[in-house]
Amino acid sequence: MCASLNLLLYQPHKKVSSDSESFVIPNLPNKIKMTRNQLPAFFNQNVETEFTKLNKASI
């Protein structure tokens, strides 16, 4: 949940130039590298889902 929330808050996946370029999820105690290809589809779409609504409401 922390990783998902940090992805929603900081959107590091939008700062890379390709779907295969890795990025680090910020503000976690350990370094977690991912690519946009590894993310669930709703992170790469500009569509609000029930998950994103729930996370935004908890901020």
PDB file of N, CA and C in Angstrom:
ATOM      1  N   MET A   1       0.830  -1.196   0.000  1.00  0.00           N
ATOM      2  CA  MET A   1       0.000   0.000   0.000  1.00  0.00           C
ATOM      3  C   MET A   1       0.870   1.253   0.000  1.00  0.00           C
ATOM      4  N   CYS A   2       1.971   1.225   0.751  1.00  0.00           N
ATOM      5  CA  CYS A   2       2.857   2.399   0.779  1.00  0.00           C
ATOM      6  C   CYS A   2       3.446   2.683  -0.597  1.00  0.00           C
ATOM      7  N   ALA A   3       3.862   1.639  -1.279  1.00  0.00           N
ATOM      8  CA  ALA A   3       4.432   1.820  -2.623  1.00  0.00           C
ATOM      9  C   ALA A   3       3.381   2.388  -3.573  1.00  0.00           C
ATOM     10  N   SER A   4       2.173   1.858  -3.522  1.00  0.00           N
ATOM     11  CA  SER A   4       1.098   2.356  -4.383  1.00  0.00           C
ATOM     12  C   SER A   4       0.783   3.816  -4.096  1.00  0.00           C
ATOM     13  N   LEU A   5       0.719   4.166  -2.840  1.00  0.00           N
ATOM     14  CA  LEU A   5       0.434   5.552  -2.474  1.00  0.00           C
ATOM     15  C   LEU A   5       1.544   6.479  -2.959  1.00  0.00           C
ATOM     16  N   ASN A   6       2.799   6.066  -2.801  1.00  0.00           N
ATOM     17  CA  ASN A   6       3.906   6.898  -3.266  1.00  0.00           C
ATOM     18  C   ASN A   6       3.918   7.025  -4.784  1.00  0.00           C
ATOM     19  N   LEU A   7       3.498   5.989  -5.477  1.00  0.00           N
ATOM     20  CA  LEU A   7       3.370   6.096  -6.933  1.00  0.00           C
ATOM     21  C   LEU A   7       2.299   7.118  -7.304  1.00  0.00           C
ATOM     22  N   LEU A   8       1.193   7.115  -6.587  1.00  0.00           N
ATOM     23  CA  LEU A   8       0.124   8.083  -6.861  1.00  0.00           C
ATOM     24  C   LEU A   8       0.538   9.510  -6.500  1.00  0.00           C
ATOM     25  N   LEU A   9       1.237   9.659  -5.392  1.00  0.00           N
ATOM     26  CA  LEU A   9       1.636  10.994  -4.950  1.00  0.00           C
ATOM     27  C   LEU A   9       2.748  11.601  -5.789  1.00  0.00           C
ATOM     28  N   TYR A  10       3.810  10.853  -6.050  1.00  0.00           N
ATOM     29  CA  TYR A  10       5.014  11.397  -6.676  1.00  0.00           C
ATOM     30  C   TYR A  10       5.133  11.089  -8.164  1.00  0.00           C
ATOM     31  N   GLN A  11       4.414  10.114  -8.650  1.00  0.00           N
ATOM     32  CA  GLN A  11       4.358   9.741 -10.058  1.00  0.00           C
ATOM     33  C   GLN A  11       5.732   9.631 -10.725  1.00  0.00           C
ATOM     34  N   PRO A  12       6.660   8.864 -10.131  1.00  0.00           N
ATOM     35  CA  PRO A  12       7.984   8.732 -10.743  1.00  0.00           C
ATOM     36  C   PRO A  12       7.941   8.021 -12.092  1.00  0.00           C
ATOM     37  N   HIS A  13       6.912   7.243 -12.337  1.00  0.00           N
ATOM     38  CA  HIS A  13       6.761   6.527 -13.606  1.00  0.00           C
ATOM     39  C   HIS A  13       6.495   7.472 -14.775  1.00  0.00           C
ATOM     40  N   LYS A  14       6.062   8.683 -14.488  1.00  0.00           N
ATOM     41  CA  LYS A  14       5.810   9.653 -15.551  1.00  0.00           C
ATOM     42  C   LYS A  14       7.053  10.465 -15.897  1.00  0.00           C
ATOM     43  N   LYS A  15       8.132  10.260 -15.142  1.00  0.00           N
ATOM     44  CA  LYS A  15       9.370  11.019 -15.361  1.00  0.00           C
ATOM     45  C   LYS A  15      10.405  10.245 -16.162  1.00  0.00           C
ATOM     46  N   VAL A  16      10.076   9.039 -16.581  1.00  0.00           N
ATOM     47  CA  VAL A  16      11.004   8.264 -17.406  1.00  0.00           C
ATOM     48  C   VAL A  16      10.585   8.384 -18.870  1.00  0.00           C
ATOM     49  N   SER A  17      11.520   8.120 -19.763  1.00  0.00           N
ATOM     50  CA  SER A  17      11.253   8.359 -21.177  1.00  0.00           C
ATOM     51  C   SER A  17      10.648   7.171 -21.922  1.00  0.00           C
ATOM     52  N   SER A  18      10.701   5.973 -21.315  1.00  0.00           N
ATOM     53  CA  SER A  18      10.129   4.816 -22.000  1.00  0.00           C
ATOM     54  C   SER A  18       9.512   3.847 -20.996  1.00  0.00           C
ATOM     55  N   ASP A  19       8.723   2.926 -21.502  1.00  0.00           N
ATOM     56  CA  ASP A  19       8.057   1.944 -20.649  1.00  0.00           C
ATOM     57  C   ASP A  19       9.030   0.933 -20.047  1.00  0.00           C
ATOM     58  N   SER A  20      10.211   0.811 -20.634  1.00  0.00           N
ATOM     59  CA  SER A  20      11.189  -0.157 -20.122  1.00  0.00           C
ATOM     60  C   SER A  20      12.284   0.480 -19.266  1.00  0.00           C
ATOM     61  N   GLU A  21      12.301   1.794 -19.169  1.00  0.00           N
ATOM     62  CA  GLU A  21      13.282   2.481 -18.319  1.00  0.00           C
ATOM     63  C   GLU A  21      12.870   2.336 -16.851  1.00  0.00           C
ATOM     64  N   SER A  22      13.822   2.039 -15.987  1.00  0.00           N
ATOM     65  CA  SER A  22      13.491   1.830 -14.576  1.00  0.00           C
ATOM     66  C   SER A  22      13.449   3.152 -13.811  1.00  0.00           C
ATOM     67  N   PHE A  23      12.703   3.147 -12.742  1.00  0.00           N
ATOM     68  CA  PHE A  23      12.617   4.272 -11.814  1.00  0.00           C
ATOM     69  C   PHE A  23      12.558   3.697 -10.407  1.00  0.00           C
ATOM     70  N   VAL A  24      12.836   4.532  -9.421  1.00  0.00           N
ATOM     71  CA  VAL A  24      12.804   4.118  -8.017  1.00  0.00           C
ATOM     72  C   VAL A  24      11.550   4.705  -7.380  1.00  0.00           C
ATOM     73  N   ILE A  25      10.837   3.891  -6.638  1.00  0.00           N
ATOM     74  CA  ILE A  25       9.668   4.381  -5.899  1.00  0.00           C
ATOM     75  C   ILE A  25      10.198   5.175  -4.708  1.00  0.00           C
ATOM     76  N   PRO A  26       9.867   6.452  -4.597  1.00  0.00           N
ATOM     77  CA  PRO A  26      10.447   7.305  -3.546  1.00  0.00           C
ATOM     78  C   PRO A  26       9.854   7.054  -2.163  1.00  0.00           C
ATOM     79  N   ASN A  27      10.610   7.491  -1.174  1.00  0.00           N
ATOM     80  CA  ASN A  27      10.190   7.532   0.239  1.00  0.00           C
ATOM     81  C   ASN A  27       9.872   6.171   0.843  1.00  0.00           C
ATOM     82  N   LEU A  28      10.606   5.162   0.440  1.00  0.00           N
ATOM     83  CA  LEU A  28      10.487   3.840   1.049  1.00  0.00           C
ATOM     84  C   LEU A  28      11.831   3.502   1.703  1.00  0.00           C
ATOM     85  N   PRO A  29      11.832   2.681   2.739  1.00  0.00           N
ATOM     86  CA  PRO A  29      13.096   2.377   3.423  1.00  0.00           C
ATOM     87  C   PRO A  29      14.088   1.606   2.562  1.00  0.00           C
ATOM     88  N   ASN A  30      13.620   0.821   1.615  1.00  0.00           N
ATOM     89  CA  ASN A  30      14.488   0.079   0.701  1.00  0.00           C
ATOM     90  C   ASN A  30      14.240   0.554  -0.721  1.00  0.00           C
ATOM     91  N   LYS A  31      15.266   0.419  -1.546  1.00  0.00           N
ATOM     92  CA  LYS A  31      15.179   0.857  -2.934  1.00  0.00           C
ATOM     93  C   LYS A  31      14.391  -0.175  -3.746  1.00  0.00           C
ATOM     94  N   ILE A  32      13.273   0.251  -4.305  1.00  0.00           N
ATOM     95  CA  ILE A  32      12.461  -0.607  -5.171  1.00  0.00           C
ATOM     96  C   ILE A  32      12.464   0.008  -6.558  1.00  0.00           C
ATOM     97  N   LYS A  33      13.034  -0.731  -7.508  1.00  0.00           N
ATOM     98  CA  LYS A  33      13.065  -0.282  -8.898  1.00  0.00           C
ATOM     99  C   LYS A  33      11.969  -0.996  -9.669  1.00  0.00           C
ATOM    100  N   MET A  34      11.318  -0.249 -10.541  1.00  0.00           N
ATOM    101  CA  MET A  34      10.265  -0.797 -11.394  1.00  0.00           C
ATOM    102  C   MET A  34      10.347  -0.132 -12.755  1.00  0.00           C
ATOM    103  N   THR A  35       9.580  -0.656 -13.684  1.00  0.00           N
ATOM    104  CA  THR A  35       9.376  -0.002 -14.978  1.00  0.00           C
ATOM    105  C   THR A  35       7.870   0.203 -15.154  1.00  0.00           C
ATOM    106  N   ARG A  36       7.512   1.049 -16.097  1.00  0.00           N
ATOM    107  CA  ARG A  36       6.080   1.251 -16.351  1.00  0.00           C
ATOM    108  C   ARG A  36       5.419  -0.033 -16.835  1.00  0.00           C
ATOM    109  N   ASN A  37       6.175  -0.886 -17.505  1.00  0.00           N
ATOM    110  CA  ASN A  37       5.629  -2.161 -17.962  1.00  0.00           C
ATOM    111  C   ASN A  37       5.205  -3.049 -16.803  1.00  0.00           C
ATOM    112  N   GLN A  38       5.788  -2.865 -15.633  1.00  0.00           N
ATOM    113  CA  GLN A  38       5.474  -3.690 -14.470  1.00  0.00           C
ATOM    114  C   GLN A  38       4.286  -3.169 -13.666  1.00  0.00           C
ATOM    115  N   LEU A  39       3.851  -1.972 -13.941  1.00  0.00           N
ATOM    116  CA  LEU A  39       2.767  -1.363 -13.179  1.00  0.00           C
ATOM    117  C   LEU A  39       1.403  -1.837 -13.667  1.00  0.00           C
ATOM    118  N   PRO A  40       0.411  -1.863 -12.768  1.00  0.00           N
ATOM    119  CA  PRO A  40      -0.963  -2.114 -13.222  1.00  0.00           C
ATOM    120  C   PRO A  40      -1.390  -1.016 -14.203  1.00  0.00           C
ATOM    121  N   ALA A  41      -2.263  -1.343 -15.098  1.00  0.00           N
ATOM    122  CA  ALA A  41      -2.649  -0.436 -16.186  1.00  0.00           C
ATOM    123  C   ALA A  41      -3.166   0.915 -15.689  1.00  0.00           C
ATOM    124  N   PHE A  42      -3.876   0.952 -14.563  1.00  0.00           N
ATOM    125  CA  PHE A  42      -4.476   2.226 -14.137  1.00  0.00           C
ATOM    126  C   PHE A  42      -3.438   3.273 -13.743  1.00  0.00           C
ATOM    127  N   PHE A  43      -2.188   2.875 -13.442  1.00  0.00           N
ATOM    128  CA  PHE A  43      -1.144   3.862 -13.153  1.00  0.00           C
ATOM    129  C   PHE A  43      -0.708   4.585 -14.419  1.00  0.00           C
ATOM    130  N   ASN A  44      -0.808   3.931 -15.554  1.00  0.00           N
ATOM    131  CA  ASN A  44      -0.358   4.520 -16.813  1.00  0.00           C
ATOM    132  C   ASN A  44      -1.476   5.226 -17.562  1.00  0.00           C
ATOM    133  N   GLN A  45      -2.675   5.168 -17.051  1.00  0.00           N
ATOM    134  CA  GLN A  45      -3.803   5.839 -17.681  1.00  0.00           C
ATOM    135  C   GLN A  45      -4.175   7.045 -16.838  1.00  0.00           C
ATOM    136  N   ASN A  46      -4.763   8.020 -17.465  1.00  0.00           N
ATOM    137  CA  ASN A  46      -5.229   9.194 -16.741  1.00  0.00           C
ATOM    138  C   ASN A  46      -6.703   9.054 -16.382  1.00  0.00           C
ATOM    139  N   VAL A  47      -7.058   7.856 -15.945  1.00  0.00           N
ATOM    140  CA  VAL A  47      -8.435   7.546 -15.589  1.00  0.00           C
ATOM    141  C   VAL A  47      -8.504   7.338 -14.086  1.00  0.00           C
ATOM    142  N   GLU A  48      -9.488   7.938 -13.462  1.00  0.00           N
ATOM    143  CA  GLU A  48      -9.655   7.751 -12.031  1.00  0.00           C
ATOM    144  C   GLU A  48     -10.444   6.463 -11.777  1.00  0.00           C
ATOM    145  N   THR A  49      -9.869   5.597 -10.955  1.00  0.00           N
ATOM    146  CA  THR A  49     -10.518   4.331 -10.609  1.00  0.00           C
ATOM    147  C   THR A  49     -10.938   4.373  -9.143  1.00  0.00           C
ATOM    148  N   GLU A  50     -11.635   3.360  -8.708  1.00  0.00           N
ATOM    149  CA  GLU A  50     -12.013   3.279  -7.293  1.00  0.00           C
ATOM    150  C   GLU A  50     -10.756   3.254  -6.404  1.00  0.00           C
ATOM    151  N   PHE A  51      -9.704   2.579  -6.877  1.00  0.00           N
ATOM    152  CA  PHE A  51      -8.460   2.517  -6.113  1.00  0.00           C
ATOM    153  C   PHE A  51      -7.835   3.902  -5.964  1.00  0.00           C
ATOM    154  N   THR A  52      -7.751   4.660  -7.058  1.00  0.00           N
ATOM    155  CA  THR A  52      -7.146   5.987  -6.972  1.00  0.00           C
ATOM    156  C   THR A  52      -8.014   6.933  -6.147  1.00  0.00           C
ATOM    157  N   LYS A  53      -9.333   6.791  -6.248  1.00  0.00           N
ATOM    158  CA  LYS A  53     -10.226   7.622  -5.420  1.00  0.00           C
ATOM    159  C   LYS A  53     -10.024   7.330  -3.940  1.00  0.00           C
ATOM    160  N   LEU A  54      -9.915   6.072  -3.596  1.00  0.00           N
ATOM    161  CA  LEU A  54      -9.714   5.669  -2.208  1.00  0.00           C
ATOM    162  C   LEU A  54      -8.382   6.207  -1.672  1.00  0.00           C
ATOM    163  N   ASN A  55      -7.333   6.076  -2.454  1.00  0.00           N
ATOM    164  CA  ASN A  55      -6.033   6.578  -2.010  1.00  0.00           C
ATOM    165  C   ASN A  55      -6.009   8.095  -1.882  1.00  0.00           C
ATOM    166  N   LYS A  56      -6.620   8.791  -2.797  1.00  0.00           N
ATOM    167  CA  LYS A  56      -6.663  10.251  -2.718  1.00  0.00           C
ATOM    168  C   LYS A  56      -7.474  10.716  -1.511  1.00  0.00           C
ATOM    169  N   ALA A  57      -8.511   9.985  -1.168  1.00  0.00           N
ATOM    170  CA  ALA A  57      -9.342  10.337  -0.019  1.00  0.00           C
ATOM    171  C   ALA A  57      -8.591  10.136   1.307  1.00  0.00           C
ATOM    172  N   SER A  58      -7.613   9.225   1.301  1.00  0.00           N
ATOM    173  CA  SER A  58      -6.881   8.943   2.529  1.00  0.00           C
ATOM    174  C   SER A  58      -5.715   9.891   2.772  1.00  0.00           C
ATOM    175  N   ILE A  59      -5.421  10.735   1.788  1.00  0.00           N
ATOM    176  CA  ILE A  59      -4.279  11.669   1.923  1.00  0.00           C
ATOM    177  C   ILE A  59      -4.659  12.852   2.781  1.00  0.00           C
TER     178      ILE A  59
END
